[in-house]
Amino acid sequence: MSQTPDVTAADRRIPVRSCANLRDVGGYPAAGGTTTRWRTLLRSGSLHYVGEAGMDKLASYQLRTVIDLRTPEEAEHAPSPAFGPGVVTRQVSLIGEGVRDLEPRLDAVYRYLIDQRGDAIGSAVRLLAEPGGMPALVHCSAGKDRTGIVIGLVLAVLGVPDEVIAADYGLSAEYLGAGAAAVLGEVQASTGLHGAGTGNLLESPSGLLLEVLAWVRSAGGGTVDGYLLGHGVTSGDLASLRAGLTE
């Protein structure tokens, strides 16, 4: 059996107070012997407590796009800081009304997102592919679930091996630690996810992301590209992602 790949790196986790799950997805092996670019795509949880020092740190990445995957209610409850000129913040709520009827299980929530919210996922991916959109930061409340799915599909487009994508997703449990409960409690209050602050919703098991990739490929005719193409992403968008995020 293959061992879980070591996806940690000295400069992957970005040290910003109150943003425990802020990190860079650079340095991963991708298609054709390339690697994902450092300082080009970041992932995070909520940024509302980032503070002045944290904003200075983020400014060093020269961000052009911030994609907020939270609901309008979450964004109102925990507003993100105002970024400087040249940074465009776009909100794409990945959660729809149907989530309120789900059982409080990660697999149920993720399956719902893949089956019912594909157009929203496609919108987020398409924004990343816009000309001049990089460097970019994608975030939700915990930086674990909605962010994990969008980042996971983008990495798959780049040809990053599934086991590496899953291991990157699994870092959230390590980085969030005890803070995950408080963050997911906020999500519960604003989205109606019953029991969202307890049980397996606090976890980020790598095996679940492998299941997500399998669901996506099944829905997309065997490929992640096919799934995204079926939800508003163009072949040009996919080419743009590969050109901008690998080297």
Protein backbone atom coordinates (compact mmCIF):
# COMPACT_ATOMS: atom_id res chain seq x y z
CA MET A 1 0.00 0.00 0.00
CA SER A 2 1.26 3.49 -0.83
CA GLN A 3 1.83 5.87 2.01
CA THR A 4 0.05 9.22 2.28
CA PRO A 5 2.29 11.76 0.54
CA ASP A 6 3.94 14.45 2.63
CA VAL A 7 2.35 17.68 1.40
CA THR A 8 3.75 19.89 4.15
CA ALA A 9 6.36 22.48 3.29
CA ALA A 10 8.09 25.17 5.31
CA ASP A 11 6.40 27.95 3.37
CA ARG A 12 3.02 26.31 2.66
CA ARG A 13 1.25 27.50 5.79
CA ILE A 14 1.07 31.29 5.87
CA PRO A 15 1.52 32.59 9.43
CA VAL A 16 -1.33 35.04 9.92
CA ARG A 17 -2.97 35.33 13.31
CA SER A 18 -6.55 34.03 13.44
CA CYS A 19 -6.18 32.45 9.97
CA ALA A 20 -4.93 29.02 10.98
CA ASN A 21 -5.93 27.42 7.69
CA LEU A 22 -4.36 29.98 5.35
CA ARG A 23 -1.96 28.26 3.00
CA ASP A 24 -0.34 28.10 -0.43
CA VAL A 25 -1.02 25.22 -2.83
CA GLY A 26 2.23 25.64 -4.73
CA GLY A 27 4.90 23.00 -5.18
CA TYR A 28 2.67 20.03 -5.99
CA PRO A 29 3.56 17.67 -8.86
CA ALA A 30 1.33 18.25 -11.87
CA ALA A 31 0.91 16.96 -15.43
CA GLY A 32 3.83 16.71 -17.80
CA GLY A 33 6.52 16.99 -15.16
CA THR A 34 5.37 20.45 -14.08
CA THR A 35 4.62 21.69 -10.57
CA THR A 36 1.98 24.05 -9.23
CA ARG A 37 3.22 27.62 -8.90
CA TRP A 38 4.02 29.04 -5.50
CA ARG A 39 2.46 32.38 -4.46
CA THR A 40 -0.25 32.09 -7.11
CA LEU A 41 -3.20 30.28 -5.49
CA LEU A 42 -3.98 30.48 -1.78
CA ARG A 43 -6.73 28.84 0.27
CA SER A 44 -8.14 29.95 3.60
CA GLY A 45 -10.99 30.16 6.02
CA SER A 46 -12.72 33.39 6.99
CA LEU A 47 -10.58 36.53 6.90
CA HIS A 48 -12.60 38.72 9.25
CA TYR A 49 -10.02 38.61 12.05
CA VAL A 50 -6.96 38.92 9.82
CA GLY A 51 -5.80 42.23 11.32
CA GLU A 52 -3.37 44.84 10.03
CA ALA A 53 -0.30 42.62 10.19
CA GLY A 54 -2.17 39.87 8.36
CA MET A 55 -3.27 42.26 5.65
CA ASP A 56 0.33 43.35 5.21
CA LYS A 57 1.33 39.71 4.83
CA LEU A 58 -1.40 39.08 2.25
CA ALA A 59 -0.42 42.24 0.39
CA SER A 60 3.00 40.70 -0.20
CA TYR A 61 1.30 38.09 -2.41
CA GLN A 62 0.01 40.82 -4.74
CA LEU A 63 -3.44 39.27 -4.91
CA ARG A 64 -5.68 40.17 -7.82
CA THR A 65 -8.76 38.09 -6.95
CA VAL A 66 -10.43 36.95 -3.72
CA ILE A 67 -13.23 34.41 -4.14
CA ASP A 68 -15.57 34.16 -1.15
CA LEU A 69 -17.57 30.91 -1.21
CA ARG A 70 -19.70 31.78 1.81
CA THR A 71 -23.40 32.61 1.87
CA PRO A 72 -24.39 36.28 1.98
CA GLU A 73 -25.46 35.69 5.61
CA GLU A 74 -22.03 34.37 6.54
CA ALA A 75 -20.33 37.28 4.82
CA GLU A 76 -22.57 39.76 6.65
CA HIS A 77 -21.95 38.08 10.00
CA ALA A 78 -18.17 37.96 9.53
CA PRO A 79 -17.29 40.58 6.88
CA SER A 80 -13.95 40.30 5.12
CA PRO A 81 -11.53 43.22 5.30
CA ALA A 82 -11.34 45.67 2.43
CA PHE A 83 -8.45 44.84 0.14
CA GLY A 84 -6.59 47.58 -1.66
CA PRO A 85 -6.99 48.82 -5.23
CA GLY A 86 -6.49 46.17 -7.86
CA VAL A 87 -7.96 43.35 -5.76
CA VAL A 88 -11.41 42.19 -6.84
CA THR A 89 -13.54 40.27 -4.33
CA ARG A 90 -16.16 37.98 -5.87
CA GLN A 91 -18.79 36.09 -3.90
CA VAL A 92 -20.06 32.73 -5.11
CA SER A 93 -22.21 30.97 -2.54
CA LEU A 94 -21.63 27.24 -2.90
CA ILE A 95 -24.41 26.35 -0.47
CA GLY A 96 -28.02 26.47 -1.67
CA GLU A 97 -31.31 26.14 0.20
CA GLY A 98 -31.30 22.37 -0.23
CA VAL A 99 -28.50 21.97 2.29
CA ARG A 100 -30.95 22.63 5.12
CA ASP A 101 -32.61 19.28 4.53
CA LEU A 102 -29.44 17.20 4.67
CA GLU A 103 -28.24 14.88 7.39
CA PRO A 104 -25.28 16.39 9.30
CA ARG A 105 -22.66 14.24 7.57
CA LEU A 106 -19.76 15.43 5.48
CA ASP A 107 -20.37 12.90 2.73
CA ALA A 108 -24.01 13.99 2.42
CA VAL A 109 -23.04 17.67 2.22
CA TYR A 110 -20.30 17.03 -0.32
CA ARG A 111 -22.48 14.82 -2.49
CA TYR A 112 -25.13 17.53 -2.47
CA LEU A 113 -22.57 20.13 -3.56
CA ILE A 114 -21.34 17.95 -6.43
CA ASP A 115 -24.81 16.86 -7.58
CA GLN A 116 -26.78 20.07 -7.02
CA ARG A 117 -24.33 22.98 -6.96
CA GLY A 118 -22.19 22.23 -9.99
CA ASP A 119 -22.98 25.55 -11.64
CA ALA A 120 -21.78 27.44 -8.57
CA ILE A 121 -18.60 25.35 -8.47
CA GLY A 122 -18.11 26.07 -12.17
CA SER A 123 -18.59 29.80 -11.55
CA ALA A 124 -15.85 29.82 -8.91
CA VAL A 125 -13.45 27.94 -11.17
CA ARG A 126 -14.27 30.21 -14.09
CA LEU A 127 -13.42 33.31 -12.01
CA LEU A 128 -9.99 31.87 -11.27
CA ALA A 129 -9.40 31.49 -14.99
CA GLU A 130 -10.21 35.09 -15.89
CA PRO A 131 -7.36 37.03 -17.52
CA GLY A 132 -5.35 38.86 -14.91
CA GLY A 133 -7.11 37.02 -12.08
CA MET A 134 -3.98 35.55 -10.50
CA PRO A 135 -2.65 35.52 -7.83
CA ALA A 136 -5.90 34.53 -6.16
CA LEU A 137 -7.24 33.47 -2.79
CA VAL A 138 -10.23 31.14 -2.35
CA HIS A 139 -11.93 30.96 1.04
CA CYS A 140 -15.07 30.03 2.92
CA SER A 141 -15.60 30.00 6.70
CA ALA A 142 -13.35 27.14 7.77
CA GLY A 143 -11.39 26.82 4.52
CA LYS A 144 -12.08 23.11 4.70
CA ASP A 145 -15.19 22.00 2.85
CA ARG A 146 -16.34 24.37 0.10
CA THR A 147 -12.81 25.63 -0.37
CA GLY A 148 -11.52 22.06 -0.27
CA ILE A 149 -13.79 21.00 -3.12
CA VAL A 150 -13.02 23.96 -5.38
CA ILE A 151 -9.27 23.76 -4.78
CA GLY A 152 -9.36 19.98 -5.19
CA LEU A 153 -11.01 20.22 -8.60
CA VAL A 154 -8.60 22.93 -9.74
CA LEU A 155 -5.64 20.77 -8.70
CA ALA A 156 -7.17 17.84 -10.58
CA VAL A 157 -7.42 19.99 -13.72
CA LEU A 158 -3.70 20.66 -13.37
CA GLY A 159 -2.95 16.95 -13.21
CA VAL A 160 -1.98 16.81 -9.55
CA PRO A 161 -2.26 13.15 -8.41
CA ASP A 162 -5.41 12.29 -6.49
CA GLU A 163 -3.50 11.19 -3.40
CA VAL A 164 -1.73 14.54 -3.24
CA ILE A 165 -5.01 16.42 -3.63
CA ALA A 166 -6.53 14.35 -0.84
CA ALA A 167 -3.54 14.92 1.43
CA ASP A 168 -3.75 18.67 0.83
CA TYR A 169 -7.41 18.55 1.84
CA GLY A 170 -6.47 16.58 4.95
CA LEU A 171 -4.18 19.35 6.18
CA SER A 172 -7.23 21.31 7.33
CA ALA A 173 -7.78 19.01 10.31
CA GLU A 174 -4.19 19.57 11.40
CA TYR A 175 -4.20 23.32 10.88
CA LEU A 176 -7.63 24.14 12.28
CA GLY A 177 -7.35 22.01 15.39
CA ALA A 178 -9.70 23.01 18.19
CA GLY A 179 -10.68 26.17 16.32
CA ALA A 180 -12.77 24.20 13.83
CA ALA A 181 -15.68 23.84 16.25
CA ALA A 182 -16.13 27.58 16.65
CA VAL A 183 -15.92 28.21 12.91
CA LEU A 184 -18.40 25.49 12.05
CA GLY A 185 -20.73 26.77 14.74
CA GLU A 186 -20.89 30.03 12.82
CA VAL A 187 -21.64 28.12 9.62
CA GLN A 188 -24.49 26.31 11.37
CA ALA A 189 -26.03 29.58 12.53
CA SER A 190 -25.94 31.21 9.11
CA THR A 191 -26.74 28.29 6.79
CA GLY A 192 -29.11 26.05 8.72
CA LEU A 193 -26.79 23.04 8.61
CA HIS A 194 -28.22 21.21 11.60
CA GLY A 195 -25.55 19.94 13.99
CA ALA A 196 -22.79 21.52 11.93
CA GLY A 197 -20.65 22.18 14.97
CA THR A 198 -20.34 18.57 16.03
CA GLY A 199 -19.30 15.09 14.95
CA ASN A 200 -17.70 14.26 11.65
CA LEU A 201 -18.38 17.74 10.22
CA LEU A 202 -15.26 18.84 12.11
CA GLU A 203 -13.09 16.34 10.23
CA SER A 204 -11.27 16.43 6.90
CA PRO A 205 -10.60 12.76 6.07
CA SER A 206 -8.44 12.40 2.99
CA GLY A 207 -10.44 9.43 1.78
CA LEU A 208 -13.55 11.55 1.42
CA LEU A 209 -11.86 13.85 -1.09
CA LEU A 210 -10.96 10.76 -3.12
CA GLU A 211 -14.65 9.91 -3.14
CA VAL A 212 -15.49 13.44 -4.27
CA LEU A 213 -13.11 13.12 -7.21
CA ALA A 214 -14.73 9.81 -8.12
CA TRP A 215 -18.23 11.34 -7.97
CA VAL A 216 -17.11 14.25 -10.13
CA ARG A 217 -15.57 12.00 -12.75
CA SER A 218 -18.65 9.81 -12.83
CA ALA A 219 -20.83 12.87 -13.40
CA GLY A 220 -18.41 14.28 -15.97
CA GLY A 221 -18.12 11.33 -18.32
CA GLY A 222 -14.95 10.06 -16.67
CA THR A 223 -13.00 13.29 -16.14
CA VAL A 224 -12.97 16.32 -13.87
CA ASP A 225 -12.64 18.45 -17.01
CA GLY A 226 -15.88 16.95 -18.31
CA TYR A 227 -17.73 17.82 -15.11
CA LEU A 228 -16.55 21.43 -15.19
CA LEU A 229 -17.27 21.77 -18.91
CA GLY A 230 -20.80 20.69 -18.13
CA HIS A 231 -21.15 23.48 -15.59
CA GLY A 232 -20.15 26.58 -17.49
CA VAL A 233 -16.36 26.27 -17.61
CA THR A 234 -14.87 26.45 -21.12
CA SER A 235 -11.91 24.63 -22.62
CA GLY A 236 -10.22 28.03 -22.77
CA ASP A 237 -10.75 28.46 -19.03
CA LEU A 238 -9.10 25.09 -18.37
CA ALA A 239 -6.15 26.00 -20.59
CA SER A 240 -5.83 29.30 -18.75
CA LEU A 241 -5.72 27.54 -15.39
CA ARG A 242 -3.01 25.18 -16.57
CA ALA A 243 -0.94 28.00 -18.03
CA GLY A 244 -1.30 30.23 -14.99
CA LEU A 245 -0.93 27.70 -12.20
CA THR A 246 1.83 25.36 -13.37
CA GLU A 247 5.45 25.79 -14.31
